[in-house]
Amino acid sequence: MKKIIIFLGTILLLSGCGKDSEKDVVKELTKKINNATAYHMTGTLEIYRNEEKYTYDVDSSYKEENQFKVNLVNKNNNHEQIILKKGKDVYVLTPALNKSFKFQSDWPYNNSQIYLLQPILTDITNDSNRTFEKDKDTYIITSKVNYTTERDFKNQKVYLDKDKNITKVEVLDNNKNIKMKLTVTNIDYKAKFDDDYFNADKYIKEIQEKNEQISNNETTSKLSEIVYPMYLPIDTKLTGEDVVKTDNGERAILTFGGETPFTIVQETLKDTLSTNYIYGDPYLILDTVGAITDNSVSWISDGIEYSVMSENMNIDELLTVAQSISVKAVAK
């Protein structure tokens, strides 16, 4: 009788292990995300670029009918930015600097996104060659990614706990180096939000009111220094440098000529809220969220707006130049 009980127990144990197959784990994860009418996720994002590490507190929210909100706070300087999508409109708001970008974009569906559940799941389910492993109570799914502006980002490793909740996501390059890492602290699949939680106008109004309280007078400021790129394409050099006065300060225009011409613009920001309209996508560059188009990259750092523009460069070259711009000026 004891042998029969032990035998039946072994069968039940083996049957339970069968639930840990790749197919079942992916199926349960898919069900969790696709059936969620809303979710709220918090965590920490680390980005590694050119031997530098940028760390953000991440707060991501979703509600059905195509509504997304991502708060990113740079832990080094407490700089906050908000990415908002409601319907077809996409905004990137920078409250402390009175600046916003408005996009005509398919974000977040047209690219991989480490801080939103739907794009993570899409990368998993789109890769028929994904790999699956189990380490104690942790499941690890490795799949290809679709970072169209980061050609060396090749794979993501998604870590799940025994309840099939995502606990960590790593994005790796060709050499399996970690380029981005999201450590999830909590996911609430039953989140509730106020009616105007995803309304960009609400946040724009709050930004305006806050900055009006700080100062009722517009002031102008000067560029503390002109910053030059640490990378230049072959047979390309600085051919022109102009600094002009603007209503709110100064604008520096750097012209680079030669085999691969391009232009860099650096400009002090207005005290009043301004919005740039972009036919492109939000993009994490250096220590901030900027905007990327077919022929330009724009972002704000330390109160200065930067743009790199060229009709002769592809997006990889534009990003290489943009990411080489440092707060430490280099020789002309």
Protein backbone atom coordinates (compact mmCIF):
# COMPACT_ATOMS: atom_id res chain seq x y z
CA MET A 1 0.00 0.00 0.00
CA LYS A 2 2.83 2.39 0.89
CA LYS A 3 4.48 1.65 -2.47
CA ILE A 4 1.26 2.58 -4.27
CA ILE A 5 0.97 5.89 -2.38
CA ILE A 6 4.62 6.74 -3.09
CA PHE A 7 4.13 5.85 -6.78
CA LEU A 8 1.02 8.03 -7.07
CA GLY A 9 2.80 10.88 -5.29
CA THR A 10 5.68 10.65 -7.74
CA ILE A 11 3.26 10.83 -10.68
CA LEU A 12 1.57 13.91 -9.22
CA LEU A 13 4.95 15.56 -8.62
CA LEU A 14 6.05 14.90 -12.18
CA SER A 15 2.72 16.18 -13.48
CA GLY A 16 3.25 19.40 -11.51
CA CYS A 17 6.69 19.85 -13.04
CA GLY A 18 5.09 19.65 -16.47
CA LYS A 19 3.43 23.00 -15.84
CA ASP A 20 6.89 24.58 -15.92
CA SER A 21 7.34 24.02 -19.66
CA GLU A 22 8.22 26.93 -21.93
CA LYS A 23 4.83 26.75 -23.64
CA ASP A 24 2.92 27.02 -20.36
CA VAL A 25 5.09 29.81 -18.93
CA VAL A 26 4.73 31.93 -22.07
CA LYS A 27 1.01 31.17 -22.23
CA GLU A 28 0.45 32.30 -18.63
CA LEU A 29 2.55 35.44 -19.09
CA THR A 30 0.64 36.26 -22.27
CA LYS A 31 -2.67 35.81 -20.47
CA LYS A 32 -1.58 38.07 -17.60
CA ILE A 33 -0.57 40.93 -19.90
CA ASN A 34 -3.21 40.65 -22.62
CA ASN A 35 -6.09 40.28 -20.17
CA ALA A 36 -5.03 43.25 -18.10
CA THR A 37 -7.29 46.25 -18.63
CA ALA A 38 -4.71 48.24 -16.64
CA TYR A 39 -1.41 47.78 -14.86
CA HIS A 40 1.11 49.76 -12.82
CA MET A 41 4.79 48.77 -12.71
CA THR A 42 7.69 50.25 -10.72
CA GLY A 43 11.38 49.52 -10.89
CA THR A 44 14.91 50.72 -11.53
CA LEU A 45 16.41 51.11 -15.01
CA GLU A 46 20.15 51.07 -15.67
CA ILE A 47 21.57 52.11 -19.05
CA TYR A 48 25.20 51.53 -20.00
CA ARG A 49 26.77 53.76 -22.68
CA ASN A 50 30.44 54.39 -23.40
CA GLU A 51 31.60 53.29 -19.95
CA GLU A 52 28.94 55.50 -18.32
CA LYS A 53 25.97 54.21 -16.33
CA TYR A 54 22.68 56.13 -16.12
CA THR A 55 20.18 55.05 -13.47
CA TYR A 56 16.46 55.89 -13.43
CA ASP A 57 13.53 55.26 -11.15
CA VAL A 58 10.76 53.97 -13.44
CA ASP A 59 7.01 54.22 -12.93
CA SER A 60 5.02 52.75 -15.84
CA SER A 61 1.24 52.69 -16.22
CA TYR A 62 -1.20 51.33 -18.79
CA LYS A 63 -4.94 51.53 -19.24
CA GLU A 64 -7.01 50.05 -22.05
CA GLU A 65 -7.86 52.18 -25.08
CA ASN A 66 -4.21 52.84 -25.86
CA GLN A 67 -3.20 54.86 -22.80
CA PHE A 68 0.36 54.78 -21.44
CA LYS A 69 2.31 56.88 -18.95
CA VAL A 70 5.99 56.41 -18.08
CA ASN A 71 7.75 58.50 -15.42
CA LEU A 72 11.54 58.42 -15.55
CA VAL A 73 13.57 60.09 -12.80
CA ASN A 74 17.33 60.29 -13.27
CA LYS A 75 18.76 59.25 -9.90
CA ASN A 76 21.96 61.25 -10.45
CA ASN A 77 20.30 64.67 -10.79
CA ASN A 78 16.64 63.99 -9.84
CA HIS A 79 15.66 65.11 -13.36
CA GLU A 80 12.10 63.92 -14.16
CA GLN A 81 10.52 63.28 -17.53
CA ILE A 82 7.10 61.94 -18.45
CA ILE A 83 6.19 59.99 -21.60
CA LEU A 84 2.44 60.05 -22.26
CA LYS A 85 0.28 58.39 -24.86
CA LYS A 86 -3.47 58.73 -25.16
CA GLY A 87 -4.93 57.70 -28.49
CA LYS A 88 -2.67 58.94 -31.30
CA ASP A 89 -0.90 61.68 -29.31
CA VAL A 90 2.49 61.05 -27.72
CA TYR A 91 4.19 63.59 -25.45
CA VAL A 92 7.51 63.83 -23.64
CA LEU A 93 7.23 66.37 -20.82
CA THR A 94 10.15 67.82 -18.86
CA PRO A 95 8.53 69.64 -15.91
CA ALA A 96 11.64 71.27 -14.42
CA LEU A 97 12.71 72.79 -17.74
CA ASN A 98 9.35 73.99 -19.11
CA LYS A 99 9.77 71.87 -22.21
CA SER A 100 7.71 69.30 -24.07
CA PHE A 101 7.88 67.31 -27.28
CA LYS A 102 4.73 66.23 -29.10
CA PHE A 103 5.08 63.33 -31.51
CA GLN A 104 3.24 61.83 -34.40
CA SER A 105 4.37 58.32 -33.64
CA ASP A 106 3.29 54.68 -33.25
CA TRP A 107 5.15 54.51 -29.93
CA PRO A 108 5.34 52.17 -28.08
CA TYR A 109 4.40 49.55 -30.66
CA ASN A 110 6.98 50.35 -33.35
CA ASN A 111 10.02 49.46 -31.26
CA SER A 112 11.13 47.40 -28.30
CA GLN A 113 10.56 49.12 -24.93
CA ILE A 114 12.17 47.76 -21.78
CA TYR A 115 9.83 49.61 -19.40
CA LEU A 116 6.45 48.48 -20.81
CA LEU A 117 4.98 44.98 -20.62
CA GLN A 118 3.35 44.79 -24.07
CA PRO A 119 6.57 45.33 -26.10
CA ILE A 120 8.46 42.88 -23.85
CA LEU A 121 5.81 40.25 -24.54
CA THR A 122 5.78 41.03 -28.27
CA ASP A 123 9.53 40.37 -28.51
CA ILE A 124 9.06 37.03 -26.75
CA THR A 125 6.14 35.81 -28.85
CA ASN A 126 7.63 37.03 -32.16
CA ASP A 127 10.79 34.96 -31.75
CA SER A 128 10.19 31.34 -32.68
CA ASN A 129 13.84 30.60 -31.79
CA ARG A 130 13.68 31.97 -28.26
CA THR A 131 15.34 29.94 -25.53
CA PHE A 132 13.97 28.90 -22.17
CA GLU A 133 15.64 27.82 -18.95
CA LYS A 134 14.77 27.34 -15.30
CA ASP A 135 16.99 28.21 -12.37
CA LYS A 136 15.32 27.07 -9.13
CA ASP A 137 12.14 29.20 -8.89
CA THR A 138 13.16 31.55 -11.71
CA TYR A 139 12.27 31.17 -15.39
CA ILE A 140 14.46 32.88 -17.99
CA ILE A 141 13.29 33.54 -21.56
CA THR A 142 15.82 34.88 -24.08
CA SER A 143 14.53 36.38 -27.33
CA LYS A 144 15.50 38.79 -30.08
CA VAL A 145 14.66 42.49 -29.75
CA ASN A 146 13.60 45.19 -32.19
CA TYR A 147 15.53 48.33 -31.21
CA THR A 148 15.63 49.89 -34.68
CA THR A 149 17.89 52.74 -33.57
CA GLU A 150 20.26 50.50 -31.60
CA ARG A 151 21.61 47.97 -34.08
CA ASP A 152 23.90 46.33 -31.52
CA PHE A 153 21.01 45.55 -29.14
CA LYS A 154 20.33 41.94 -30.10
CA ASN A 155 18.61 40.01 -27.32
CA GLN A 156 16.62 40.38 -24.14
CA LYS A 157 16.60 38.07 -21.13
CA VAL A 158 13.32 38.17 -19.24
CA TYR A 159 13.31 36.76 -15.70
CA LEU A 160 10.05 35.55 -14.15
CA ASP A 161 9.23 34.28 -10.68
CA LYS A 162 7.24 31.13 -9.90
CA ASP A 163 3.98 33.10 -10.34
CA LYS A 164 5.06 34.12 -13.87
CA ASN A 165 5.58 37.76 -12.93
CA ILE A 166 8.46 39.61 -14.60
CA THR A 167 11.17 40.47 -12.07
CA LYS A 168 14.00 41.62 -14.35
CA VAL A 169 14.74 42.36 -18.00
CA GLU A 170 18.22 42.62 -19.52
CA VAL A 171 19.01 43.85 -23.04
CA LEU A 172 22.26 42.46 -24.46
CA ASP A 173 24.52 43.37 -27.37
CA ASN A 174 26.28 41.04 -29.83
CA ASN A 175 28.94 40.24 -27.26
CA LYS A 176 26.34 39.48 -24.57
CA ASN A 177 27.21 42.65 -22.67
CA ILE A 178 24.31 44.13 -20.70
CA LYS A 179 23.32 47.47 -22.28
CA MET A 180 20.10 48.04 -20.31
CA LYS A 181 18.69 46.42 -17.19
CA LEU A 182 15.26 46.86 -15.63
CA THR A 183 14.83 45.54 -12.10
CA VAL A 184 11.10 45.34 -11.31
CA THR A 185 10.00 46.05 -7.76
CA ASN A 186 6.23 45.65 -8.24
CA ILE A 187 3.55 44.98 -10.88
CA ASP A 188 -0.12 45.62 -10.08
CA TYR A 189 -2.47 44.10 -12.66
CA LYS A 190 -5.52 45.57 -10.93
CA ALA A 191 -4.39 49.20 -10.92
CA LYS A 192 -6.98 51.98 -10.81
CA PHE A 193 -6.35 55.45 -12.25
CA ASP A 194 -8.15 58.80 -12.14
CA ASP A 195 -9.95 59.85 -15.31
CA ASP A 196 -7.32 62.48 -16.16
CA TYR A 197 -4.27 60.38 -15.21
CA PHE A 198 -3.25 60.00 -18.87
CA ASN A 199 -4.28 63.52 -19.92
CA ALA A 200 -1.29 65.52 -21.17
CA ASP A 201 -3.15 68.84 -20.80
CA LYS A 202 -3.38 68.25 -17.04
CA TYR A 203 0.38 67.88 -16.68
CA ILE A 204 1.13 70.77 -19.04
CA LYS A 205 -1.11 73.02 -16.93
CA GLU A 206 0.60 71.86 -13.74
CA ILE A 207 4.02 72.62 -15.24
CA GLN A 208 2.91 76.10 -16.28
CA GLU A 209 1.44 76.91 -12.86
CA LYS A 210 4.49 75.61 -11.01
CA ASN A 211 6.93 77.64 -13.07
CA GLU A 212 4.78 80.77 -12.84
CA GLN A 213 5.02 80.53 -9.06
CA ILE A 214 8.81 80.31 -9.26
CA SER A 215 9.17 83.36 -11.50
CA ASN A 216 6.71 85.77 -13.08
CA ASN A 217 9.41 87.40 -15.18
CA GLU A 218 11.08 85.92 -18.21
CA THR A 219 14.85 85.96 -18.00
CA THR A 220 17.58 85.31 -20.50
CA SER A 221 20.66 83.21 -19.97
CA LYS A 222 23.95 82.55 -21.69
CA LEU A 223 25.55 79.32 -22.74
CA SER A 224 28.15 78.55 -20.08
CA GLU A 225 30.26 76.80 -22.70
CA ILE A 226 29.97 75.35 -26.18
CA VAL A 227 30.24 71.57 -26.18
CA TYR A 228 31.86 69.71 -29.06
CA PRO A 229 31.42 66.06 -30.11
CA MET A 230 34.14 63.63 -29.15
CA TYR A 231 33.48 61.64 -32.33
CA LEU A 232 33.67 62.86 -35.93
CA PRO A 233 33.16 60.81 -39.11
CA ILE A 234 36.22 60.29 -41.30
CA ASP A 235 37.27 63.37 -43.35
CA THR A 236 34.83 65.61 -41.48
CA LYS A 237 35.83 68.65 -39.44
CA LEU A 238 34.46 71.80 -37.80
CA THR A 239 34.08 74.50 -40.48
CA GLY A 240 31.90 77.09 -38.77
CA GLU A 241 30.92 78.29 -35.31
CA ASP A 242 28.36 81.02 -34.62
CA VAL A 243 26.72 82.23 -31.42
CA VAL A 244 23.60 84.34 -31.85
CA LYS A 245 21.33 86.08 -29.38
CA THR A 246 17.77 84.84 -28.98
CA ASP A 247 14.76 86.12 -27.04
CA ASN A 248 15.57 83.74 -24.21
CA GLY A 249 19.38 83.62 -24.32
CA GLU A 250 21.86 82.26 -26.81
CA ARG A 251 22.08 79.74 -29.62
CA ALA A 252 25.33 78.17 -30.79
CA ILE A 253 25.47 76.71 -34.29
CA LEU A 254 28.36 74.36 -35.10
CA THR A 255 28.80 73.44 -38.76
CA PHE A 256 30.84 70.41 -39.75
CA GLY A 257 31.88 69.96 -43.37
CA GLY A 258 33.69 67.38 -45.43
CA GLU A 259 32.81 63.82 -46.37
CA THR A 260 29.86 63.65 -43.93
CA PRO A 261 28.50 67.15 -43.17
CA PHE A 262 26.22 67.80 -40.22
CA THR A 263 25.14 70.59 -37.85
CA ILE A 264 24.92 70.79 -34.06
CA VAL A 265 22.70 73.40 -32.39
CA GLN A 266 22.90 74.21 -28.65
CA GLU A 267 20.36 76.63 -27.20
CA THR A 268 19.30 77.97 -23.81
CA LEU A 269 15.70 77.20 -22.89
CA LYS A 270 12.78 79.57 -22.52
CA ASP A 271 11.25 80.36 -19.13
CA THR A 272 7.79 79.90 -20.66
CA LEU A 273 6.52 76.45 -21.64
CA SER A 274 7.39 75.55 -25.23
CA THR A 275 6.51 72.50 -27.31
CA ASN A 276 8.42 70.99 -30.23
CA TYR A 277 6.30 69.06 -32.73
CA ILE A 278 8.20 66.02 -33.98
CA TYR A 279 7.57 63.46 -36.72
CA GLY A 280 9.59 60.83 -34.93
CA ASP A 281 9.84 58.87 -31.71
CA PRO A 282 10.84 59.34 -28.05
CA TYR A 283 14.34 58.03 -27.43
CA LEU A 284 16.55 57.52 -24.35
CA ILE A 285 19.81 59.29 -25.07
CA LEU A 286 22.59 59.92 -22.56
CA ASP A 287 20.91 61.19 -19.36
CA THR A 288 17.50 62.10 -20.77
CA VAL A 289 14.58 61.26 -23.07
CA GLY A 290 14.86 63.06 -26.38
CA ALA A 291 13.42 62.84 -29.88
CA ILE A 292 14.69 61.01 -32.92
CA THR A 293 13.69 61.44 -36.58
CA ASP A 294 15.13 60.23 -39.90
CA ASN A 295 17.66 63.08 -39.99
CA SER A 296 17.94 64.51 -36.48
CA VAL A 297 18.38 63.77 -32.79
CA SER A 298 17.24 66.31 -30.15
CA TRP A 299 17.45 66.26 -26.35
CA ILE A 300 17.76 68.47 -23.26
CA SER A 301 20.56 68.19 -20.72
CA ASP A 302 21.54 70.57 -17.89
CA GLY A 303 19.12 73.23 -19.13
CA ILE A 304 20.46 73.24 -22.71
CA GLU A 305 18.63 71.92 -25.76
CA TYR A 306 20.83 70.02 -28.21
CA SER A 307 20.13 68.99 -31.81
CA VAL A 308 22.27 67.04 -34.26
CA MET A 309 21.03 67.30 -37.86
CA SER A 310 22.23 65.94 -41.19
CA GLU A 311 20.83 65.02 -44.58
CA ASN A 312 23.91 62.87 -45.25
CA MET A 313 24.00 60.63 -42.18
CA ASN A 314 21.99 57.55 -41.33
CA ILE A 315 20.46 57.20 -37.90
CA ASP A 316 23.37 55.13 -36.55
CA GLU A 317 25.86 57.87 -37.45
CA LEU A 318 23.63 60.59 -35.99
CA LEU A 319 23.36 58.72 -32.72
CA THR A 320 27.10 58.07 -32.57
CA VAL A 321 27.79 61.80 -32.84
CA ALA A 322 25.00 62.69 -30.39
CA GLN A 323 26.13 60.17 -27.78
CA SER A 324 29.71 61.46 -28.03
CA ILE A 325 28.69 64.95 -26.93
CA SER A 326 29.89 65.40 -23.37
CA VAL A 327 29.70 68.13 -20.77
CA LYS A 328 33.47 68.23 -21.11
CA ALA A 329 34.34 70.30 -24.16
CA VAL A 330 36.97 68.91 -26.53
CA ALA A 331 39.32 70.62 -28.92
CA LYS A 332 38.00 71.92 -32.20
